[in-house]
C-alpha cells in the first residue's frame, strides 16, 4: 500500500511542479527567450531528451520537490553564443515580470479549475464561521453561545471563514482563554472569554476543545458552482497569509510546518478518505506553492520580481554580486529550514 501512496505523492508534487514551471517556460518561449533546459524535479537526472526543433533539453530528475527552467541571461548576459535579443535580461521589464509570475499564476489557475470541477461534481460546504451546533457541558455552550451564532473575531482578529478561525485558534497565547466576538441571529454582538477544554485525540495528543460544530451540509446549484471556488481560493490564501504572519511573529512554531515527509503523510490520509480529499489536496497544495513563491524573498519568484521593481525605480540593474549573495544566503537558509522541518516530520511519525 505504501508504494501506491508513494506513487500518488510523486504524481501530486510532480503535477504541481509541472504546472508551475510550464508557466515560466511557455511565456519565456512566447517572448523569444533562449531556453537551455526544462526540468521537473531536482537532483540527479533519471530521464532526459532533447527537442529536435527547439534544441531544449527536457529532464526528469530524481527528487520531486521542485523544478526549474534554465534561460539565457536570467540576470545578466552570460552566454556570448546566444543573441542578445534572446537573453531574458534584455527583454522589457514587463515581459520579465510576466515570465517570473507566470508559474504562480498557473498554480492559482489550476487550483481554481480543480475547485470549480469539485464544486460542480460534489457541491460545497458553508465557509461562513456560523455555528451549526454546540455540545452540552463544553466551553461554548457553558458560555451561552448557541446554534446560529456567528464568530466575528477571535483575539481581535477579524474572521470571515472557518479556515481563518482555525488558524487564529492555533496562534500561541500567553493566557488560557480566547476572546471571542459573537454576533447573534438578532444582530446583537457580544464578547466572550472562553477557556477551551483539554482532551486527548486518538493519537494521544493533547488538544483544545471548544465544543462547537460547523455546517457540513452540501450546497449545490449553478451560482454556487461559479462563486464557491473563488471564495474558497480567497479563504485558503488568507489562511496562508495568517500562517506566514504567525510564523514571523512567533505565534506559530516551526513545528507546525510540514515538509516532504509531512506531505507524504497527508497524501496517505487523503487517499484513505477518498478521491474528493485527494483532489482537494492537489488544489490546496497548488495554492500553497503559489503563495510561497510570490513572497518577495530572493530565492523565490517574488524576490526576482522585487529585484525587477528596484531595477525599474533606480534605472539600472542591481549589482550582480549583491543579487547573487542575497539569493545564495536565502537558498541556504531555506535548505536549513527544510532540514529542520523534515526532522520534525520524522519525529512526529515515530
C-alpha atoms as a PDB file:
ATOM      1  CA  UNK A   1       0.000   0.000   0.000  1.00  0.00           C
ATOM      2  CA  UNK A   2       2.884   2.374   0.781  1.00  0.00           C
ATOM      3  CA  UNK A   3       4.061   2.001  -2.822  1.00  0.00           C
ATOM      4  CA  UNK A   4       0.726   3.318  -4.116  1.00  0.00           C
ATOM      5  CA  UNK A   5       0.916   6.212  -1.644  1.00  0.00           C
ATOM      6  CA  UNK A   6       4.463   6.988  -2.776  1.00  0.00           C
ATOM      7  CA  UNK A   7       3.418   6.966  -6.437  1.00  0.00           C
ATOM      8  CA  UNK A   8       0.464   9.241  -5.624  1.00  0.00           C
ATOM      9  CA  UNK A   9       2.781  11.522  -3.652  1.00  0.00           C
ATOM     10  CA  UNK A  10       5.191  11.757  -6.610  1.00  0.00           C
ATOM     11  CA  UNK A  11       2.305  12.334  -9.037  1.00  0.00           C
ATOM     12  CA  UNK A  12       0.790  15.167  -6.962  1.00  0.00           C
ATOM     13  CA  UNK A  13       4.073  17.008  -6.405  1.00  0.00           C
ATOM     14  CA  UNK A  14       5.145  16.373  -9.999  1.00  0.00           C
ATOM     15  CA  UNK A  15       1.877  17.761 -11.367  1.00  0.00           C
ATOM     16  CA  UNK A  16       2.079  20.924  -9.253  1.00  0.00           C
ATOM     17  CA  UNK A  17       5.723  21.500 -10.218  1.00  0.00           C
ATOM     18  CA  UNK A  18       4.999  20.784 -13.905  1.00  0.00           C
ATOM     19  CA  UNK A  19       2.149  23.305 -13.987  1.00  0.00           C
ATOM     20  CA  UNK A  20       4.295  25.917 -12.221  1.00  0.00           C
ATOM     21  CA  UNK A  21       7.335  25.525 -14.463  1.00  0.00           C
ATOM     22  CA  UNK A  22       5.173  25.425 -17.597  1.00  0.00           C
ATOM     23  CA  UNK A  23       4.108  28.972 -16.755  1.00  0.00           C
ATOM     24  CA  UNK A  24       7.708  30.216 -16.863  1.00  0.00           C
ATOM     25  CA  UNK A  25       8.508  28.039 -19.888  1.00  0.00           C
ATOM     26  CA  UNK A  26       5.588  28.971 -22.145  1.00  0.00           C
ATOM     27  CA  UNK A  27       5.825  32.727 -21.536  1.00  0.00           C
ATOM     28  CA  UNK A  28       9.607  32.693 -21.970  1.00  0.00           C
ATOM     29  CA  UNK A  29       9.156  30.939 -25.335  1.00  0.00           C
ATOM     30  CA  UNK A  30       6.379  33.368 -26.284  1.00  0.00           C
ATOM     31  CA  UNK A  31       8.723  36.310 -25.686  1.00  0.00           C
ATOM     32  CA  UNK A  32      11.577  34.693 -27.623  1.00  0.00           C
ATOM     33  CA  UNK A  33      13.861  33.896 -24.693  1.00  0.00           C
ATOM     34  CA  UNK A  34      16.511  31.239 -25.347  1.00  0.00           C
ATOM     35  CA  UNK A  35      15.902  28.223 -23.085  1.00  0.00           C
ATOM     36  CA  UNK A  36      18.592  25.684 -22.226  1.00  0.00           C
ATOM     37  CA  UNK A  37      16.685  23.254 -20.018  1.00  0.00           C
ATOM     38  CA  UNK A  38      13.201  22.440 -18.739  1.00  0.00           C
ATOM     39  CA  UNK A  39      13.482  20.249 -15.662  1.00  0.00           C
ATOM     40  CA  UNK A  40      10.926  18.599 -13.382  1.00  0.00           C
ATOM     41  CA  UNK A  41      12.405  17.545 -10.056  1.00  0.00           C
ATOM     42  CA  UNK A  42      15.785  18.272  -8.502  1.00  0.00           C
ATOM     43  CA  UNK A  43      18.989  16.294  -8.104  1.00  0.00           C
ATOM     44  CA  UNK A  44      20.317  13.599 -10.467  1.00  0.00           C
ATOM     45  CA  UNK A  45      18.766  13.245 -13.933  1.00  0.00           C
ATOM     46  CA  UNK A  46      16.866   9.978 -14.372  1.00  0.00           C
ATOM     47  CA  UNK A  47      15.393  10.654 -17.815  1.00  0.00           C
ATOM     48  CA  UNK A  48      16.397  13.156 -20.478  1.00  0.00           C
ATOM     49  CA  UNK A  49      15.675  14.020 -24.080  1.00  0.00           C
ATOM     50  CA  UNK A  50      16.476  16.930 -26.381  1.00  0.00           C
ATOM     51  CA  UNK A  51      13.917  18.640 -28.579  1.00  0.00           C
ATOM     52  CA  UNK A  52      14.802  18.310 -32.267  1.00  0.00           C
ATOM     53  CA  UNK A  53      13.175  21.610 -33.255  1.00  0.00           C
ATOM     54  CA  UNK A  54      13.830  23.846 -30.252  1.00  0.00           C
ATOM     55  CA  UNK A  55      17.097  22.279 -29.014  1.00  0.00           C
ATOM     56  CA  UNK A  56      15.857  22.418 -25.411  1.00  0.00           C
ATOM     57  CA  UNK A  57      16.923  19.676 -23.014  1.00  0.00           C
ATOM     58  CA  UNK A  58      13.947  18.199 -21.136  1.00  0.00           C
ATOM     59  CA  UNK A  59      14.834  16.423 -17.899  1.00  0.00           C
ATOM     60  CA  UNK A  60      13.079  14.455 -15.195  1.00  0.00           C
ATOM     61  CA  UNK A  61      15.164  14.450 -12.016  1.00  0.00           C
ATOM     62  CA  UNK A  62      15.160  12.131  -9.028  1.00  0.00           C
ATOM     63  CA  UNK A  63      13.641  14.336  -6.299  1.00  0.00           C
ATOM     64  CA  UNK A  64      10.065  15.548  -6.978  1.00  0.00           C
ATOM     65  CA  UNK A  65      10.403  18.611  -4.746  1.00  0.00           C
ATOM     66  CA  UNK A  66      10.913  21.324  -7.333  1.00  0.00           C
ATOM     67  CA  UNK A  67      11.922  22.121 -10.865  1.00  0.00           C
ATOM     68  CA  UNK A  68      13.365  24.881 -12.995  1.00  0.00           C
ATOM     69  CA  UNK A  69      13.554  26.467 -16.419  1.00  0.00           C
ATOM     70  CA  UNK A  70      17.114  27.437 -17.306  1.00  0.00           C
ATOM     71  CA  UNK A  71      17.061  30.542 -19.531  1.00  0.00           C
ATOM     72  CA  UNK A  72      19.804  32.612 -21.143  1.00  0.00           C
ATOM     73  CA  UNK A  73      20.541  35.879 -19.360  1.00  0.00           C
ATOM     74  CA  UNK A  74      18.279  35.323 -16.370  1.00  0.00           C
ATOM     75  CA  UNK A  75      20.186  38.059 -14.537  1.00  0.00           C
ATOM     76  CA  UNK A  76      22.888  39.303 -16.930  1.00  0.00           C
ATOM     77  CA  UNK A  77      24.217  38.224 -20.344  1.00  0.00           C
ATOM     78  CA  UNK A  78      26.054  35.021 -19.513  1.00  0.00           C
ATOM     79  CA  UNK A  79      26.457  33.269 -22.878  1.00  0.00           C
ATOM     80  CA  UNK A  80      28.100  35.029 -25.809  1.00  0.00           C
ATOM     81  CA  UNK A  81      26.775  32.329 -28.188  1.00  0.00           C
ATOM     82  CA  UNK A  82      23.178  33.428 -27.573  1.00  0.00           C
ATOM     83  CA  UNK A  83      21.961  36.517 -29.474  1.00  0.00           C
ATOM     84  CA  UNK A  84      21.433  39.493 -27.152  1.00  0.00           C
ATOM     85  CA  UNK A  85      17.770  39.816 -28.078  1.00  0.00           C
ATOM     86  CA  UNK A  86      17.178  36.255 -26.836  1.00  0.00           C
ATOM     87  CA  UNK A  87      18.558  36.931 -23.345  1.00  0.00           C
ATOM     88  CA  UNK A  88      15.911  37.410 -20.668  1.00  0.00           C
ATOM     89  CA  UNK A  89      17.832  40.310 -19.131  1.00  0.00           C
ATOM     90  CA  UNK A  90      17.465  42.294 -22.381  1.00  0.00           C
ATOM     91  CA  UNK A  91      13.705  41.902 -22.606  1.00  0.00           C
ATOM     92  CA  UNK A  92      11.387  44.732 -21.461  1.00  0.00           C
ATOM     93  CA  UNK A  93      10.799  44.639 -17.720  1.00  0.00           C
ATOM     94  CA  UNK A  94       7.066  43.961 -18.182  1.00  0.00           C
ATOM     95  CA  UNK A  95       7.898  40.791 -20.133  1.00  0.00           C
ATOM     96  CA  UNK A  96      10.401  39.672 -17.488  1.00  0.00           C
ATOM     97  CA  UNK A  97       7.817  40.217 -14.748  1.00  0.00           C
ATOM     98  CA  UNK A  98       5.274  38.120 -16.651  1.00  0.00           C
ATOM     99  CA  UNK A  99       7.817  35.305 -17.067  1.00  0.00           C
ATOM    100  CA  UNK A 100       8.586  35.415 -13.323  1.00  0.00           C
ATOM    101  CA  UNK A 101       4.958  35.430 -12.083  1.00  0.00           C
ATOM    102  CA  UNK A 102       3.606  33.016 -14.718  1.00  0.00           C
ATOM    103  CA  UNK A 103       4.409  29.967 -12.580  1.00  0.00           C
ATOM    104  CA  UNK A 104       2.432  31.321  -9.628  1.00  0.00           C
ATOM    105  CA  UNK A 105      -0.476  32.278 -11.869  1.00  0.00           C
ATOM    106  CA  UNK A 106      -0.528  28.765 -13.362  1.00  0.00           C
ATOM    107  CA  UNK A 107      -0.731  27.271  -9.855  1.00  0.00           C
ATOM    108  CA  UNK A 108      -3.603  29.589  -8.956  1.00  0.00           C
ATOM    109  CA  UNK A 109      -5.471  28.896 -12.207  1.00  0.00           C
ATOM    110  CA  UNK A 110      -5.100  25.124 -11.769  1.00  0.00           C
ATOM    111  CA  UNK A 111      -6.404  25.354  -8.202  1.00  0.00           C
ATOM    112  CA  UNK A 112      -9.443  27.389  -9.292  1.00  0.00           C
ATOM    113  CA  UNK A 113     -10.207  24.922 -12.094  1.00  0.00           C
ATOM    114  CA  UNK A 114      -9.969  21.990  -9.671  1.00  0.00           C
ATOM    115  CA  UNK A 115     -12.199  23.745  -7.113  1.00  0.00           C
ATOM    116  CA  UNK A 116     -14.713  24.516  -9.867  1.00  0.00           C
ATOM    117  CA  UNK A 117     -14.811  20.860 -11.017  1.00  0.00           C
ATOM    118  CA  UNK A 118     -15.109  19.664  -7.413  1.00  0.00           C
ATOM    119  CA  UNK A 119     -17.991  22.045  -6.732  1.00  0.00           C
ATOM    120  CA  UNK A 120     -19.722  21.004  -9.948  1.00  0.00           C
ATOM    121  CA  UNK A 121     -19.458  17.295  -9.073  1.00  0.00           C
ATOM    122  CA  UNK A 122     -19.739  17.216  -5.261  1.00  0.00           C
ATOM    123  CA  UNK A 123     -21.159  20.592  -4.293  1.00  0.00           C
ATOM    124  CA  UNK A 124     -19.639  22.651  -1.482  1.00  0.00           C
ATOM    125  CA  UNK A 125     -19.865  23.244   2.258  1.00  0.00           C
ATOM    126  CA  UNK A 126     -20.558  26.534   4.001  1.00  0.00           C
ATOM    127  CA  UNK A 127     -17.454  28.664   4.592  1.00  0.00           C
ATOM    128  CA  UNK A 128     -19.101  31.095   6.990  1.00  0.00           C
ATOM    129  CA  UNK A 129     -17.940  30.868  10.641  1.00  0.00           C
ATOM    130  CA  UNK A 130     -21.546  30.340  11.635  1.00  0.00           C
ATOM    131  CA  UNK A 131     -22.051  27.854  14.441  1.00  0.00           C
ATOM    132  CA  UNK A 132     -24.082  24.859  13.349  1.00  0.00           C
ATOM    133  CA  UNK A 133     -24.326  23.251  16.782  1.00  0.00           C
ATOM    134  CA  UNK A 134     -22.776  23.298  20.259  1.00  0.00           C
ATOM    135  CA  UNK A 135     -22.157  20.415  22.653  1.00  0.00           C
ATOM    136  CA  UNK A 136     -23.530  20.444  26.163  1.00  0.00           C
ATOM    137  CA  UNK A 137     -21.042  20.641  29.048  1.00  0.00           C
ATOM    138  CA  UNK A 138     -18.388  22.180  26.781  1.00  0.00           C
ATOM    139  CA  UNK A 139     -16.978  25.760  26.963  1.00  0.00           C
ATOM    140  CA  UNK A 140     -19.024  27.293  24.117  1.00  0.00           C
ATOM    141  CA  UNK A 141     -22.358  26.041  25.453  1.00  0.00           C
ATOM    142  CA  UNK A 142     -21.451  26.936  29.037  1.00  0.00           C
ATOM    143  CA  UNK A 143     -20.655  30.488  27.918  1.00  0.00           C
ATOM    144  CA  UNK A 144     -24.162  30.840  26.455  1.00  0.00           C
ATOM    145  CA  UNK A 145     -23.281  30.582  22.771  1.00  0.00           C
ATOM    146  CA  UNK A 146     -25.963  28.779  20.762  1.00  0.00           C
ATOM    147  CA  UNK A 147     -26.625  27.308  17.335  1.00  0.00           C
ATOM    148  CA  UNK A 148     -26.976  30.047  14.712  1.00  0.00           C
ATOM    149  CA  UNK A 149     -24.464  32.429  16.317  1.00  0.00           C
ATOM    150  CA  UNK A 150     -21.597  33.629  14.115  1.00  0.00           C
ATOM    151  CA  UNK A 151     -17.951  34.149  15.104  1.00  0.00           C
ATOM    152  CA  UNK A 152     -16.928  37.688  14.119  1.00  0.00           C
ATOM    153  CA  UNK A 153     -13.442  37.852  15.654  1.00  0.00           C
ATOM    154  CA  UNK A 154     -11.023  35.824  17.788  1.00  0.00           C
ATOM    155  CA  UNK A 155      -8.452  37.619  19.934  1.00  0.00           C
ATOM    156  CA  UNK A 156      -9.169  40.837  17.987  1.00  0.00           C
ATOM    157  CA  UNK A 157      -8.508  39.119  14.615  1.00  0.00           C
ATOM    158  CA  UNK A 158     -11.479  39.512  12.280  1.00  0.00           C
ATOM    159  CA  UNK A 159     -12.522  36.209  10.689  1.00  0.00           C
ATOM    160  CA  UNK A 160     -14.839  35.623   7.752  1.00  0.00           C
ATOM    161  CA  UNK A 161     -14.418  31.854   7.265  1.00  0.00           C
ATOM    162  CA  UNK A 162     -13.832  28.741   9.353  1.00  0.00           C
ATOM    163  CA  UNK A 163     -10.420  28.361   7.680  1.00  0.00           C
ATOM    164  CA  UNK A 164      -9.297  31.685   9.145  1.00  0.00           C
ATOM    165  CA  UNK A 165     -10.829  30.920  12.553  1.00  0.00           C
ATOM    166  CA  UNK A 166      -8.888  27.655  12.807  1.00  0.00           C
ATOM    167  CA  UNK A 167      -5.572  29.403  12.083  1.00  0.00           C
ATOM    168  CA  UNK A 168      -6.225  32.094  14.719  1.00  0.00           C
ATOM    169  CA  UNK A 169      -7.136  29.419  17.270  1.00  0.00           C
ATOM    170  CA  UNK A 170      -3.768  27.808  16.540  1.00  0.00           C
ATOM    171  CA  UNK A 171      -1.915  31.016  17.445  1.00  0.00           C
ATOM    172  CA  UNK A 172       0.092  30.850  20.656  1.00  0.00           C
ATOM    173  CA  UNK A 173      -1.269  32.971  23.503  1.00  0.00           C
ATOM    174  CA  UNK A 174       0.118  33.807  26.930  1.00  0.00           C
ATOM    175  CA  UNK A 175      -3.255  33.237  28.573  1.00  0.00           C
ATOM    176  CA  UNK A 176      -5.541  30.243  28.970  1.00  0.00           C
ATOM    177  CA  UNK A 177      -8.624  31.843  27.389  1.00  0.00           C
ATOM    178  CA  UNK A 178      -9.632  33.219  23.986  1.00  0.00           C
ATOM    179  CA  UNK A 179     -11.567  36.422  23.291  1.00  0.00           C
ATOM    180  CA  UNK A 180     -14.497  35.629  21.021  1.00  0.00           C
ATOM    181  CA  UNK A 181     -16.657  38.281  19.409  1.00  0.00           C
ATOM    182  CA  UNK A 182     -20.012  36.684  18.581  1.00  0.00           C
ATOM    183  CA  UNK A 183     -22.906  38.016  16.522  1.00  0.00           C
ATOM    184  CA  UNK A 184     -26.267  36.545  17.448  1.00  0.00           C
ATOM    185  CA  UNK A 185     -29.057  35.923  14.968  1.00  0.00           C
ATOM    186  CA  UNK A 186     -30.851  39.064  16.166  1.00  0.00           C
ATOM    187  CA  UNK A 187     -27.783  41.121  15.125  1.00  0.00           C
ATOM    188  CA  UNK A 188     -26.534  41.791  18.635  1.00  0.00           C
ATOM    189  CA  UNK A 189     -22.746  41.455  19.064  1.00  0.00           C
ATOM    190  CA  UNK A 190     -21.241  40.297  22.360  1.00  0.00           C
ATOM    191  CA  UNK A 191     -17.753  39.470  23.628  1.00  0.00           C
ATOM    192  CA  UNK A 192     -16.884  36.245  25.466  1.00  0.00           C
ATOM    193  CA  UNK A 193     -13.789  34.968  27.228  1.00  0.00           C
ATOM    194  CA  UNK A 194     -13.710  31.202  26.628  1.00  0.00           C
ATOM    195  CA  UNK A 195     -11.227  28.715  28.075  1.00  0.00           C
ATOM    196  CA  UNK A 196     -11.049  25.544  25.933  1.00  0.00           C
ATOM    197  CA  UNK A 197     -11.325  22.090  27.466  1.00  0.00           C
ATOM    198  CA  UNK A 198      -8.191  19.958  27.150  1.00  0.00           C
ATOM    199  CA  UNK A 199      -8.689  16.443  25.803  1.00  0.00           C
ATOM    200  CA  UNK A 200      -6.600  13.766  24.103  1.00  0.00           C
ATOM    201  CA  UNK A 201      -7.246  12.744  20.497  1.00  0.00           C
ATOM    202  CA  UNK A 202      -6.952   9.236  19.008  1.00  0.00           C
ATOM    203  CA  UNK A 203      -3.154   9.581  18.820  1.00  0.00           C
ATOM    204  CA  UNK A 204      -2.932  10.503  22.489  1.00  0.00           C
ATOM    205  CA  UNK A 205      -2.047  14.132  21.714  1.00  0.00           C
ATOM    206  CA  UNK A 206      -3.489  16.921  23.844  1.00  0.00           C
ATOM    207  CA  UNK A 207      -5.999  19.106  22.008  1.00  0.00           C
ATOM    208  CA  UNK A 208      -8.078  22.133  22.924  1.00  0.00           C
ATOM    209  CA  UNK A 209     -11.813  21.550  22.504  1.00  0.00           C
ATOM    210  CA  UNK A 210     -14.476  24.263  22.435  1.00  0.00           C
ATOM    211  CA  UNK A 211     -17.451  22.001  21.735  1.00  0.00           C
ATOM    212  CA  UNK A 212     -18.639  23.628  18.527  1.00  0.00           C
ATOM    213  CA  UNK A 213     -19.651  22.118  15.175  1.00  0.00           C
ATOM    214  CA  UNK A 214     -19.606  23.629  11.701  1.00  0.00           C
ATOM    215  CA  UNK A 215     -22.156  23.109   8.953  1.00  0.00           C
ATOM    216  CA  UNK A 216     -21.032  20.207   6.736  1.00  0.00           C
ATOM    217  CA  UNK A 217     -24.214  20.060   4.638  1.00  0.00           C
ATOM    218  CA  UNK A 218     -23.502  20.229   0.906  1.00  0.00           C
ATOM    219  CA  UNK A 219     -24.736  23.135  -1.212  1.00  0.00           C
ATOM    220  CA  UNK A 220     -25.154  22.905  -4.983  1.00  0.00           C
ATOM    221  CA  UNK A 221     -26.531  24.982  -7.857  1.00  0.00           C
ATOM    222  CA  UNK A 222     -25.130  26.955 -10.799  1.00  0.00           C
ATOM    223  CA  UNK A 223     -24.416  30.191  -8.928  1.00  0.00           C
ATOM    224  CA  UNK A 224     -22.740  28.284  -6.111  1.00  0.00           C
ATOM    225  CA  UNK A 225     -20.545  26.420  -8.624  1.00  0.00           C
ATOM    226  CA  UNK A 226     -19.344  29.759 -10.004  1.00  0.00           C
ATOM    227  CA  UNK A 227     -18.969  31.570  -6.669  1.00  0.00           C
ATOM    228  CA  UNK A 228     -17.606  28.948  -4.268  1.00  0.00           C
ATOM    229  CA  UNK A 229     -14.234  28.245  -5.987  1.00  0.00           C
ATOM    230  CA  UNK A 230     -13.271  31.930  -5.697  1.00  0.00           C
ATOM    231  CA  UNK A 231     -14.481  32.133  -2.093  1.00  0.00           C
ATOM    232  CA  UNK A 232     -12.552  29.002  -1.097  1.00  0.00           C
ATOM    233  CA  UNK A 233      -9.487  30.181  -3.005  1.00  0.00           C
ATOM    234  CA  UNK A 234      -9.574  33.516  -1.167  1.00  0.00           C
ATOM    235  CA  UNK A 235     -10.069  31.752   2.164  1.00  0.00           C
ATOM    236  CA  UNK A 236      -7.034  29.487   1.634  1.00  0.00           C
ATOM    237  CA  UNK A 237      -4.854  32.417   0.525  1.00  0.00           C
ATOM    238  CA  UNK A 238      -5.839  34.458   3.588  1.00  0.00           C
ATOM    239  CA  UNK A 239      -5.220  31.441   5.839  1.00  0.00           C
ATOM    240  CA  UNK A 240      -1.774  31.076   4.277  1.00  0.00           C
ATOM    241  CA  UNK A 241      -1.076  34.742   4.950  1.00  0.00           C
ATOM    242  CA  UNK A 242      -2.182  34.385   8.583  1.00  0.00           C
ATOM    243  CA  UNK A 243       0.108  31.350   8.897  1.00  0.00           C
ATOM    244  CA  UNK A 244       3.084  33.284   7.496  1.00  0.00           C
ATOM    245  CA  UNK A 245       2.377  36.210   9.834  1.00  0.00           C
ATOM    246  CA  UNK A 246       2.109  33.753  12.726  1.00  0.00           C
ATOM    247  CA  UNK A 247       5.472  32.202  11.876  1.00  0.00           C
ATOM    248  CA  UNK A 248       7.190  35.588  11.565  1.00  0.00           C
ATOM    249  CA  UNK A 249       5.725  36.890  14.844  1.00  0.00           C
ATOM    250  CA  UNK A 250       6.347  33.629  16.706  1.00  0.00           C
ATOM    251  CA  UNK A 251       2.647  32.913  17.274  1.00  0.00           C
ATOM    252  CA  UNK A 252       3.052  29.682  15.305  1.00  0.00           C
ATOM    253  CA  UNK A 253       6.076  27.456  15.902  1.00  0.00           C
ATOM    254  CA  UNK A 254       8.223  25.879  13.180  1.00  0.00           C
ATOM    255  CA  UNK A 255       6.974  22.533  14.490  1.00  0.00           C
ATOM    256  CA  UNK A 256       3.619  23.285  12.873  1.00  0.00           C
ATOM    257  CA  UNK A 257       5.165  23.259   9.381  1.00  0.00           C
ATOM    258  CA  UNK A 258       5.306  20.175   7.190  1.00  0.00           C
ATOM    259  CA  UNK A 259       7.964  19.233   4.654  1.00  0.00           C
ATOM    260  CA  UNK A 260       8.059  16.393   2.106  1.00  0.00           C
ATOM    261  CA  UNK A 261       7.648  13.720   4.819  1.00  0.00           C
ATOM    262  CA  UNK A 262       4.677  15.535   6.328  1.00  0.00           C
ATOM    263  CA  UNK A 263       3.083  15.984   2.913  1.00  0.00           C
ATOM    264  CA  UNK A 264       3.556  12.271   2.256  1.00  0.00           C
ATOM    265  CA  UNK A 265       1.596  11.543   5.462  1.00  0.00           C
ATOM    266  CA  UNK A 266      -1.189  13.918   4.387  1.00  0.00           C
ATOM    267  CA  UNK A 267      -1.334  12.247   0.966  1.00  0.00           C
ATOM    268  CA  UNK A 268      -1.640   8.871   2.712  1.00  0.00           C
ATOM    269  CA  UNK A 269      -4.508  10.094   4.920  1.00  0.00           C
ATOM    270  CA  UNK A 270      -6.276  11.757   1.974  1.00  0.00           C
ATOM    271  CA  UNK A 271      -6.037   8.574  -0.096  1.00  0.00           C
ATOM    272  CA  UNK A 272      -7.701   6.626   2.711  1.00  0.00           C
ATOM    273  CA  UNK A 273     -10.564   9.149   2.864  1.00  0.00           C
ATOM    274  CA  UNK A 274     -11.278   9.047  -0.880  1.00  0.00           C
ATOM    275  CA  UNK A 275     -10.867  10.769  -4.232  1.00  0.00           C
ATOM    276  CA  UNK A 276     -12.581  14.001  -3.095  1.00  0.00           C
ATOM    277  CA  UNK A 277      -9.893  14.636  -0.486  1.00  0.00           C
ATOM    278  CA  UNK A 278      -7.049  13.746  -2.851  1.00  0.00           C
ATOM    279  CA  UNK A 279      -8.337  16.164  -5.487  1.00  0.00           C
ATOM    280  CA  UNK A 280      -8.811  18.911  -2.895  1.00  0.00           C
ATOM    281  CA  UNK A 281      -5.282  18.324  -1.614  1.00  0.00           C
ATOM    282  CA  UNK A 282      -3.919  18.992  -5.114  1.00  0.00           C
ATOM    283  CA  UNK A 283      -5.763  22.320  -5.243  1.00  0.00           C
ATOM    284  CA  UNK A 284      -4.695  23.200  -1.699  1.00  0.00           C
ATOM    285  CA  UNK A 285      -1.007  22.424  -2.287  1.00  0.00           C
ATOM    286  CA  UNK A 286      -1.068  24.259  -5.615  1.00  0.00           C
ATOM    287  CA  UNK A 287      -2.312  27.406  -3.855  1.00  0.00           C
ATOM    288  CA  UNK A 288       0.344  26.933  -1.162  1.00  0.00           C
ATOM    289  CA  UNK A 289       3.115  26.695  -3.763  1.00  0.00           C
ATOM    290  CA  UNK A 290       1.785  29.814  -5.499  1.00  0.00           C
ATOM    291  CA  UNK A 291       1.564  31.877  -2.301  1.00  0.00           C
ATOM    292  CA  UNK A 292       5.023  30.827  -1.085  1.00  0.00           C
ATOM    293  CA  UNK A 293       6.639  31.576  -4.453  1.00  0.00           C
ATOM    294  CA  UNK A 294       5.179  35.078  -4.647  1.00  0.00           C
ATOM    295  CA  UNK A 295       6.710  36.082  -1.289  1.00  0.00           C
ATOM    296  CA  UNK A 296       9.383  38.757  -2.055  1.00  0.00           C
ATOM    297  CA  UNK A 297      12.314  36.650  -0.864  1.00  0.00           C
ATOM    298  CA  UNK A 298      15.332  36.482  -3.263  1.00  0.00           C
ATOM    299  CA  UNK A 299      15.219  32.684  -3.790  1.00  0.00           C
ATOM    300  CA  UNK A 300      11.534  32.821  -4.814  1.00  0.00           C
ATOM    301  CA  UNK A 301       9.809  34.229  -7.893  1.00  0.00           C
ATOM    302  CA  UNK A 302       8.542  37.121  -5.779  1.00  0.00           C
ATOM    303  CA  UNK A 303      12.129  38.027  -4.939  1.00  0.00           C
ATOM    304  CA  UNK A 304      13.030  38.158  -8.627  1.00  0.00           C
ATOM    305  CA  UNK A 305      10.071  40.454  -9.232  1.00  0.00           C
ATOM    306  CA  UNK A 306      11.223  42.649  -6.311  1.00  0.00           C
ATOM    307  CA  UNK A 307      14.657  42.992  -7.931  1.00  0.00           C
ATOM    308  CA  UNK A 308      12.996  43.989 -11.214  1.00  0.00           C
ATOM    309  CA  UNK A 309      10.910  46.636  -9.437  1.00  0.00           C
ATOM    310  CA  UNK A 310      14.072  48.021  -7.798  1.00  0.00           C
ATOM    311  CA  UNK A 311      15.781  47.988 -11.205  1.00  0.00           C
ATOM    312  CA  UNK A 312      12.889  49.959 -12.698  1.00  0.00           C
ATOM    313  CA  UNK A 313      12.984  52.528  -9.883  1.00  0.00           C
ATOM    314  CA  UNK A 314      16.763  53.073  -9.905  1.00  0.00           C
ATOM    315  CA  UNK A 315      17.040  52.885 -13.698  1.00  0.00           C
ATOM    316  CA  UNK A 316      19.745  50.210 -13.753  1.00  0.00           C
ATOM    317  CA  UNK A 317      20.127  46.544 -12.732  1.00  0.00           C
ATOM    318  CA  UNK A 318      21.164  45.615  -9.194  1.00  0.00           C
ATOM    319  CA  UNK A 319      24.836  44.710  -8.818  1.00  0.00           C
ATOM    320  CA  UNK A 320      25.190  41.055  -9.836  1.00  0.00           C
ATOM    321  CA  UNK A 321      27.359  40.162  -6.827  1.00  0.00           C
ATOM    322  CA  UNK A 322      24.813  41.652  -4.412  1.00  0.00           C
ATOM    323  CA  UNK A 323      21.901  39.853  -6.085  1.00  0.00           C
ATOM    324  CA  UNK A 324      23.756  36.526  -6.126  1.00  0.00           C
ATOM    325  CA  UNK A 325      24.750  36.998  -2.488  1.00  0.00           C
ATOM    326  CA  UNK A 326      21.133  37.568  -1.432  1.00  0.00           C
ATOM    327  CA  UNK A 327      19.921  34.585  -3.467  1.00  0.00           C
ATOM    328  CA  UNK A 328      22.686  32.323  -2.127  1.00  0.00           C
ATOM    329  CA  UNK A 329      22.128  33.223   1.530  1.00  0.00           C
ATOM    330  CA  UNK A 330      18.359  32.839   1.187  1.00  0.00           C
ATOM    331  CA  UNK A 331      18.737  29.468  -0.529  1.00  0.00           C
ATOM    332  CA  UNK A 332      20.988  28.167   2.262  1.00  0.00           C
ATOM    333  CA  UNK A 333      18.511  29.333   4.918  1.00  0.00           C
ATOM    334  CA  UNK A 334      15.650  27.654   3.043  1.00  0.00           C
ATOM    335  CA  UNK A 335      17.594  24.388   2.843  1.00  0.00           C
ATOM    336  CA  UNK A 336      18.252  24.560   6.597  1.00  0.00           C
ATOM    337  CA  UNK A 337      14.543  25.200   7.185  1.00  0.00           C
ATOM    338  CA  UNK A 338      13.618  22.162   5.059  1.00  0.00           C
ATOM    339  CA  UNK A 339      16.065  20.013   7.062  1.00  0.00           C
ATOM    340  CA  UNK A 340      14.591  21.190  10.392  1.00  0.00           C
ATOM    341  CA  UNK A 341      11.003  20.695   9.200  1.00  0.00           C
ATOM    342  CA  UNK A 342      11.814  17.238   7.813  1.00  0.00           C
ATOM    343  CA  UNK A 343      13.395  16.179  11.108  1.00  0.00           C
ATOM    344  CA  UNK A 344      10.250  17.358  12.934  1.00  0.00           C
ATOM    345  CA  UNK A 345       8.087  15.395  10.474  1.00  0.00           C
ATOM    346  CA  UNK A 346      10.090  12.220  11.112  1.00  0.00           C
ATOM    347  CA  UNK A 347       9.906  12.700  14.893  1.00  0.00           C
ATOM    348  CA  UNK A 348       6.120  13.081  14.635  1.00  0.00           C
ATOM    349  CA  UNK A 349       5.882   9.842  12.652  1.00  0.00           C
ATOM    350  CA  UNK A 350       7.581   7.867  15.428  1.00  0.00           C
END
